[in-house]
Amino acid sequence: MKHILVKFDQADQIINFVRIINRYSYDADVKCGSRVVDAKSVVGVLSLAKSKTVELILHTDECDGLLEEIAPYAA
């Protein structure tokens, strides 16, 4: 399991982020405080992450390709 901090300034960044996450088969969540949403849900991530730093939780240790793709969103 990996934990990464990510930040989005605009809604289109979240939509692109979710598209990237959906290409991978393992589960991923976005957490802010005590709220957790599925990282593959555009609506969930939009409701939680706009203009905030949030924690991305990847339920795998084999995620190097994904980490490279989402590097622009790293906080």
C-alpha atoms as a PDB file:
ATOM      1  CA  MET A   1       0.000   0.000   0.000  1.00  0.00           C
ATOM      2  CA  LYS A   2       1.313   3.443  -0.949  1.00  0.00           C
ATOM      3  CA  HIS A   3       0.253   6.875   0.310  1.00  0.00           C
ATOM      4  CA  ILE A   4       0.892   9.995  -1.800  1.00  0.00           C
ATOM      5  CA  LEU A   5      -0.204  13.596  -1.292  1.00  0.00           C
ATOM      6  CA  VAL A   6      -1.825  15.174  -4.349  1.00  0.00           C
ATOM      7  CA  LYS A   7      -3.331  18.595  -5.086  1.00  0.00           C
ATOM      8  CA  PHE A   8      -5.627  19.873  -7.811  1.00  0.00           C
ATOM      9  CA  ASP A   9      -6.280  23.513  -8.686  1.00  0.00           C
ATOM     10  CA  GLN A  10      -8.904  22.974 -11.394  1.00  0.00           C
ATOM     11  CA  ALA A  11     -11.700  20.515 -12.114  1.00  0.00           C
ATOM     12  CA  ASP A  12     -10.138  19.442 -15.427  1.00  0.00           C
ATOM     13  CA  GLN A  13      -7.052  18.267 -13.529  1.00  0.00           C
ATOM     14  CA  ILE A  14      -9.264  16.009 -11.398  1.00  0.00           C
ATOM     15  CA  ILE A  15     -10.995  14.601 -14.469  1.00  0.00           C
ATOM     16  CA  ASN A  16      -7.638  13.796 -16.096  1.00  0.00           C
ATOM     17  CA  PHE A  17      -6.347  12.292 -12.826  1.00  0.00           C
ATOM     18  CA  VAL A  18      -9.386   9.981 -12.568  1.00  0.00           C
ATOM     19  CA  ARG A  19      -8.932   8.909 -16.204  1.00  0.00           C
ATOM     20  CA  ILE A  20      -5.336   7.934 -15.425  1.00  0.00           C
ATOM     21  CA  ILE A  21      -6.309   6.041 -12.251  1.00  0.00           C
ATOM     22  CA  ASN A  22      -9.022   4.118 -14.124  1.00  0.00           C
ATOM     23  CA  ARG A  23      -6.448   2.607 -16.488  1.00  0.00           C
ATOM     24  CA  TYR A  24      -4.992   0.604 -13.603  1.00  0.00           C
ATOM     25  CA  SER A  25      -6.654  -2.494 -12.157  1.00  0.00           C
ATOM     26  CA  TYR A  26      -5.899  -2.001  -8.464  1.00  0.00           C
ATOM     27  CA  ASP A  27      -8.052  -0.072  -6.011  1.00  0.00           C
ATOM     28  CA  ALA A  28      -7.283   3.510  -5.045  1.00  0.00           C
ATOM     29  CA  ASP A  29      -8.911   5.933  -2.616  1.00  0.00           C
ATOM     30  CA  VAL A  30      -8.662   9.663  -1.962  1.00  0.00           C
ATOM     31  CA  LYS A  31      -8.759  10.744   1.673  1.00  0.00           C
ATOM     32  CA  CYS A  32      -9.260  14.170   3.232  1.00  0.00           C
ATOM     33  CA  GLY A  33      -9.610  14.199   7.000  1.00  0.00           C
ATOM     34  CA  SER A  34     -12.010  11.405   7.913  1.00  0.00           C
ATOM     35  CA  ARG A  35     -13.693  11.311   4.477  1.00  0.00           C
ATOM     36  CA  VAL A  36     -12.618   8.697   1.945  1.00  0.00           C
ATOM     37  CA  VAL A  37     -13.848   8.342  -1.651  1.00  0.00           C
ATOM     38  CA  ASP A  38     -13.031   5.986  -4.509  1.00  0.00           C
ATOM     39  CA  ALA A  39     -10.253   7.574  -6.594  1.00  0.00           C
ATOM     40  CA  LYS A  40     -11.887   6.132  -9.738  1.00  0.00           C
ATOM     41  CA  SER A  41     -15.021   8.236  -9.182  1.00  0.00           C
ATOM     42  CA  VAL A  42     -14.991  11.665 -10.819  1.00  0.00           C
ATOM     43  CA  VAL A  43     -17.886  12.879  -8.677  1.00  0.00           C
ATOM     44  CA  GLY A  44     -16.289  11.585  -5.471  1.00  0.00           C
ATOM     45  CA  VAL A  45     -12.906  13.152  -6.124  1.00  0.00           C
ATOM     46  CA  LEU A  46     -14.455  16.434  -7.307  1.00  0.00           C
ATOM     47  CA  SER A  47     -16.489  16.663  -4.099  1.00  0.00           C
ATOM     48  CA  LEU A  48     -13.474  16.090  -1.907  1.00  0.00           C
ATOM     49  CA  ALA A  49     -10.339  17.365  -3.575  1.00  0.00           C
ATOM     50  CA  LYS A  50     -10.871  20.665  -5.398  1.00  0.00           C
ATOM     51  CA  SER A  51      -8.237  23.196  -4.259  1.00  0.00           C
ATOM     52  CA  LYS A  52      -7.095  20.997  -1.373  1.00  0.00           C
ATOM     53  CA  THR A  53      -4.178  18.726  -0.685  1.00  0.00           C
ATOM     54  CA  VAL A  54      -5.502  15.203  -0.231  1.00  0.00           C
ATOM     55  CA  GLU A  55      -3.994  11.792   0.361  1.00  0.00           C
ATOM     56  CA  LEU A  56      -4.065   9.198  -2.422  1.00  0.00           C
ATOM     57  CA  ILE A  57      -4.060   5.645  -1.087  1.00  0.00           C
ATOM     58  CA  LEU A  58      -3.014   2.977  -3.578  1.00  0.00           C
ATOM     59  CA  HIS A  59      -3.853  -0.581  -2.590  1.00  0.00           C
ATOM     60  CA  THR A  60      -0.741  -2.076  -4.200  1.00  0.00           C
ATOM     61  CA  ASP A  61       3.028  -1.804  -4.033  1.00  0.00           C
ATOM     62  CA  GLU A  62       3.484  -2.246  -7.807  1.00  0.00           C
ATOM     63  CA  CYS A  63       2.516   1.245  -8.972  1.00  0.00           C
ATOM     64  CA  ASP A  64       5.620   2.834 -10.484  1.00  0.00           C
ATOM     65  CA  GLY A  65       3.924   3.489 -13.846  1.00  0.00           C
ATOM     66  CA  LEU A  66       1.006   5.237 -12.186  1.00  0.00           C
ATOM     67  CA  LEU A  67       3.279   7.311  -9.962  1.00  0.00           C
ATOM     68  CA  GLU A  68       5.095   8.610 -13.055  1.00  0.00           C
ATOM     69  CA  GLU A  69       1.806   9.552 -14.735  1.00  0.00           C
ATOM     70  CA  ILE A  70       0.407  11.414 -11.729  1.00  0.00           C
ATOM     71  CA  ALA A  71       3.665  13.183 -10.831  1.00  0.00           C
ATOM     72  CA  PRO A  72       2.277  16.573 -12.002  1.00  0.00           C
ATOM     73  CA  TYR A  73      -0.338  16.359  -9.245  1.00  0.00           C
ATOM     74  CA  ALA A  74       2.067  15.527  -6.412  1.00  0.00           C
ATOM     75  CA  ALA A  75       1.795  18.003  -3.563  1.00  0.00           C
END
